[in-house]
Amino acid sequence: MKIEYNEKEIAAMAEFHKGNRAEGLRLQEEFASEFRKEYADKDHCPCQKACRYHGNCKECVAIHRAHQEHVPNCMRPMINKKLKILSELTEHTLANEIEAPKEVLRKEFQK
């Protein structure tokens, strides 16, 4: 099952945007039901960072909500995609002012 850019969830959001809440909720529940079955005993977390909360979204999100410093790593690609669009307004010159931190990755992602 593909999570990012899932066709069923994209269709659900299209229904919400059209004002068809009932159909949006139906499609969303289908996605959630398929997710629960598919990932009942499999790793669904795309985060590459070495972290004791890997795959435990509930606790991970609670921790990030509590400290309010940054977002969970799994959400970075989605947020960065949106920020990149905004960065086009200044020809991406913001990139010249940013240095990414060195992070400890899970063993399977270390170079």
C-alpha atoms as a PDB file:
ATOM      1  CA  MET A   1       0.000   0.000   0.000  1.00  0.00           C
ATOM      2  CA  LYS A   2       1.273   3.435  -0.951  1.00  0.00           C
ATOM      3  CA  ILE A   3       0.767   6.068   1.762  1.00  0.00           C
ATOM      4  CA  GLU A   4       2.250   9.230   0.259  1.00  0.00           C
ATOM      5  CA  TYR A   5       0.107  10.517  -2.626  1.00  0.00           C
ATOM      6  CA  ASN A   6      -2.438   7.735  -2.042  1.00  0.00           C
ATOM      7  CA  GLU A   7      -5.067   7.917  -4.798  1.00  0.00           C
ATOM      8  CA  LYS A   8      -7.970   7.108  -2.486  1.00  0.00           C
ATOM      9  CA  GLU A   9      -6.994   9.794   0.005  1.00  0.00           C
ATOM     10  CA  ILE A  10      -6.444  12.311  -2.811  1.00  0.00           C
ATOM     11  CA  ALA A  11      -9.948  11.482  -4.067  1.00  0.00           C
ATOM     12  CA  ALA A  12     -11.285  11.947  -0.527  1.00  0.00           C
ATOM     13  CA  MET A  13      -9.752  15.411  -0.332  1.00  0.00           C
ATOM     14  CA  ALA A  14     -11.221  16.298  -3.742  1.00  0.00           C
ATOM     15  CA  GLU A  15     -14.662  15.373  -2.402  1.00  0.00           C
ATOM     16  CA  PHE A  16     -14.113  17.494   0.715  1.00  0.00           C
ATOM     17  CA  HIS A  17     -13.121  20.458  -1.489  1.00  0.00           C
ATOM     18  CA  LYS A  18     -16.307  19.992  -3.553  1.00  0.00           C
ATOM     19  CA  GLY A  19     -18.328  20.116  -0.334  1.00  0.00           C
ATOM     20  CA  ASN A  20     -19.200  16.421  -0.443  1.00  0.00           C
ATOM     21  CA  ARG A  21     -18.249  15.636   3.148  1.00  0.00           C
ATOM     22  CA  ALA A  22     -20.063  12.283   3.310  1.00  0.00           C
ATOM     23  CA  GLU A  23     -18.169  10.879   0.318  1.00  0.00           C
ATOM     24  CA  GLY A  24     -14.896  12.349   1.544  1.00  0.00           C
ATOM     25  CA  LEU A  25     -15.350  10.673   4.917  1.00  0.00           C
ATOM     26  CA  ARG A  26     -16.305   7.367   3.268  1.00  0.00           C
ATOM     27  CA  LEU A  27     -13.169   7.364   1.108  1.00  0.00           C
ATOM     28  CA  GLN A  28     -11.029   8.464   4.046  1.00  0.00           C
ATOM     29  CA  GLU A  29     -12.314   5.594   6.169  1.00  0.00           C
ATOM     30  CA  GLU A  30     -11.579   3.154   3.319  1.00  0.00           C
ATOM     31  CA  PHE A  31      -7.996   4.436   3.270  1.00  0.00           C
ATOM     32  CA  ALA A  32      -7.702   4.163   7.064  1.00  0.00           C
ATOM     33  CA  SER A  33      -9.167   0.649   7.042  1.00  0.00           C
ATOM     34  CA  GLU A  34      -6.740  -0.490   4.325  1.00  0.00           C
ATOM     35  CA  PHE A  35      -3.877   1.132   6.260  1.00  0.00           C
ATOM     36  CA  ARG A  36      -4.815  -0.677   9.493  1.00  0.00           C
ATOM     37  CA  LYS A  37      -4.880  -4.038   7.691  1.00  0.00           C
ATOM     38  CA  GLU A  38      -1.712  -3.504   5.653  1.00  0.00           C
ATOM     39  CA  TYR A  39       0.394  -2.108   8.478  1.00  0.00           C
ATOM     40  CA  ALA A  40      -0.947  -4.073  11.438  1.00  0.00           C
ATOM     41  CA  ASP A  41       2.456  -5.748  11.785  1.00  0.00           C
ATOM     42  CA  LYS A  42       4.694  -3.902   9.301  1.00  0.00           C
ATOM     43  CA  ASP A  43       6.835  -0.779   9.536  1.00  0.00           C
ATOM     44  CA  HIS A  44       5.021   2.189   7.970  1.00  0.00           C
ATOM     45  CA  CYS A  45       7.331   4.968   9.164  1.00  0.00           C
ATOM     46  CA  PRO A  46       9.404   6.662   6.407  1.00  0.00           C
ATOM     47  CA  CYS A  47      11.657   8.438   8.916  1.00  0.00           C
ATOM     48  CA  GLN A  48      15.339   7.686   8.398  1.00  0.00           C
ATOM     49  CA  LYS A  49      16.482   9.211  11.674  1.00  0.00           C
ATOM     50  CA  ALA A  50      17.632   6.923  14.492  1.00  0.00           C
ATOM     51  CA  CYS A  51      14.904   7.392  17.077  1.00  0.00           C
ATOM     52  CA  ARG A  52      13.359   5.264  19.803  1.00  0.00           C
ATOM     53  CA  TYR A  53       9.872   6.443  18.711  1.00  0.00           C
ATOM     54  CA  HIS A  54      10.245   5.132  15.136  1.00  0.00           C
ATOM     55  CA  GLY A  55       6.838   3.924  13.961  1.00  0.00           C
ATOM     56  CA  ASN A  56       5.066   5.178  17.089  1.00  0.00           C
ATOM     57  CA  CYS A  57       3.310   8.178  15.529  1.00  0.00           C
ATOM     58  CA  LYS A  58       1.099   8.905  18.507  1.00  0.00           C
ATOM     59  CA  GLU A  59       3.999   9.428  20.920  1.00  0.00           C
ATOM     60  CA  CYS A  60       6.234  11.051  18.293  1.00  0.00           C
ATOM     61  CA  VAL A  61       3.648  13.690  17.389  1.00  0.00           C
ATOM     62  CA  ALA A  62       2.858  14.302  21.077  1.00  0.00           C
ATOM     63  CA  ILE A  63       6.554  14.929  21.778  1.00  0.00           C
ATOM     64  CA  HIS A  64       6.832  17.406  18.893  1.00  0.00           C
ATOM     65  CA  ARG A  65       3.628  19.153  19.920  1.00  0.00           C
ATOM     66  CA  ALA A  66       4.999  19.415  23.449  1.00  0.00           C
ATOM     67  CA  HIS A  67       8.394  20.951  22.651  1.00  0.00           C
ATOM     68  CA  GLN A  68       7.178  23.054  19.694  1.00  0.00           C
ATOM     69  CA  GLU A  69      10.642  23.330  18.111  1.00  0.00           C
ATOM     70  CA  HIS A  70      10.258  21.398  14.871  1.00  0.00           C
ATOM     71  CA  VAL A  71       8.020  18.862  13.139  1.00  0.00           C
ATOM     72  CA  PRO A  72       8.381  15.061  12.991  1.00  0.00           C
ATOM     73  CA  ASN A  73      10.901  13.954  10.369  1.00  0.00           C
ATOM     74  CA  CYS A  74       8.255  12.057   8.416  1.00  0.00           C
ATOM     75  CA  MET A  75       6.462  15.355   7.724  1.00  0.00           C
ATOM     76  CA  ARG A  76       9.526  17.212   6.479  1.00  0.00           C
ATOM     77  CA  PRO A  77       9.235  16.227   2.781  1.00  0.00           C
ATOM     78  CA  MET A  78       5.604  17.365   2.652  1.00  0.00           C
ATOM     79  CA  ILE A  79       6.344  20.687   4.390  1.00  0.00           C
ATOM     80  CA  ASN A  80       9.558  21.245   2.410  1.00  0.00           C
ATOM     81  CA  LYS A  81       7.609  20.798  -0.824  1.00  0.00           C
ATOM     82  CA  LYS A  82       5.267  23.614   0.239  1.00  0.00           C
ATOM     83  CA  LEU A  83       8.141  25.820   1.443  1.00  0.00           C
ATOM     84  CA  LYS A  84      10.026  25.310  -1.817  1.00  0.00           C
ATOM     85  CA  ILE A  85       7.120  26.879  -3.677  1.00  0.00           C
ATOM     86  CA  LEU A  86       7.285  29.908  -1.375  1.00  0.00           C
ATOM     87  CA  SER A  87      11.064  30.039  -1.740  1.00  0.00           C
ATOM     88  CA  GLU A  88      10.620  30.596  -5.475  1.00  0.00           C
ATOM     89  CA  LEU A  89       9.437  34.111  -4.604  1.00  0.00           C
ATOM     90  CA  THR A  90      13.043  35.016  -3.754  1.00  0.00           C
ATOM     91  CA  GLU A  91      14.743  32.811  -6.372  1.00  0.00           C
ATOM     92  CA  HIS A  92      15.558  30.329  -3.587  1.00  0.00           C
ATOM     93  CA  THR A  93      18.141  32.703  -2.093  1.00  0.00           C
ATOM     94  CA  LEU A  94      17.004  31.538   1.338  1.00  0.00           C
ATOM     95  CA  ALA A  95      19.062  28.412   0.661  1.00  0.00           C
ATOM     96  CA  ASN A  96      22.206  30.539   0.952  1.00  0.00           C
ATOM     97  CA  GLU A  97      21.267  31.365   4.543  1.00  0.00           C
ATOM     98  CA  ILE A  98      20.524  27.830   5.741  1.00  0.00           C
ATOM     99  CA  GLU A  99      22.787  24.999   6.888  1.00  0.00           C
ATOM    100  CA  ALA A 100      21.104  21.693   7.620  1.00  0.00           C
ATOM    101  CA  PRO A 101      22.119  19.977  10.878  1.00  0.00           C
ATOM    102  CA  LYS A 102      24.033  16.709  10.865  1.00  0.00           C
ATOM    103  CA  GLU A 103      21.614  13.982  11.947  1.00  0.00           C
ATOM    104  CA  VAL A 104      22.116  10.425  13.109  1.00  0.00           C
ATOM    105  CA  LEU A 105      20.348   8.077  10.724  1.00  0.00           C
ATOM    106  CA  ARG A 106      19.127   4.534  11.264  1.00  0.00           C
ATOM    107  CA  LYS A 107      21.790   1.961  10.322  1.00  0.00           C
ATOM    108  CA  GLU A 108      20.134   1.002   7.036  1.00  0.00           C
ATOM    109  CA  PHE A 109      20.376   4.631   5.859  1.00  0.00           C
ATOM    110  CA  GLN A 110      23.928   5.439   6.988  1.00  0.00           C
ATOM    111  CA  LYS A 111      26.511   5.899   4.259  1.00  0.00           C
END
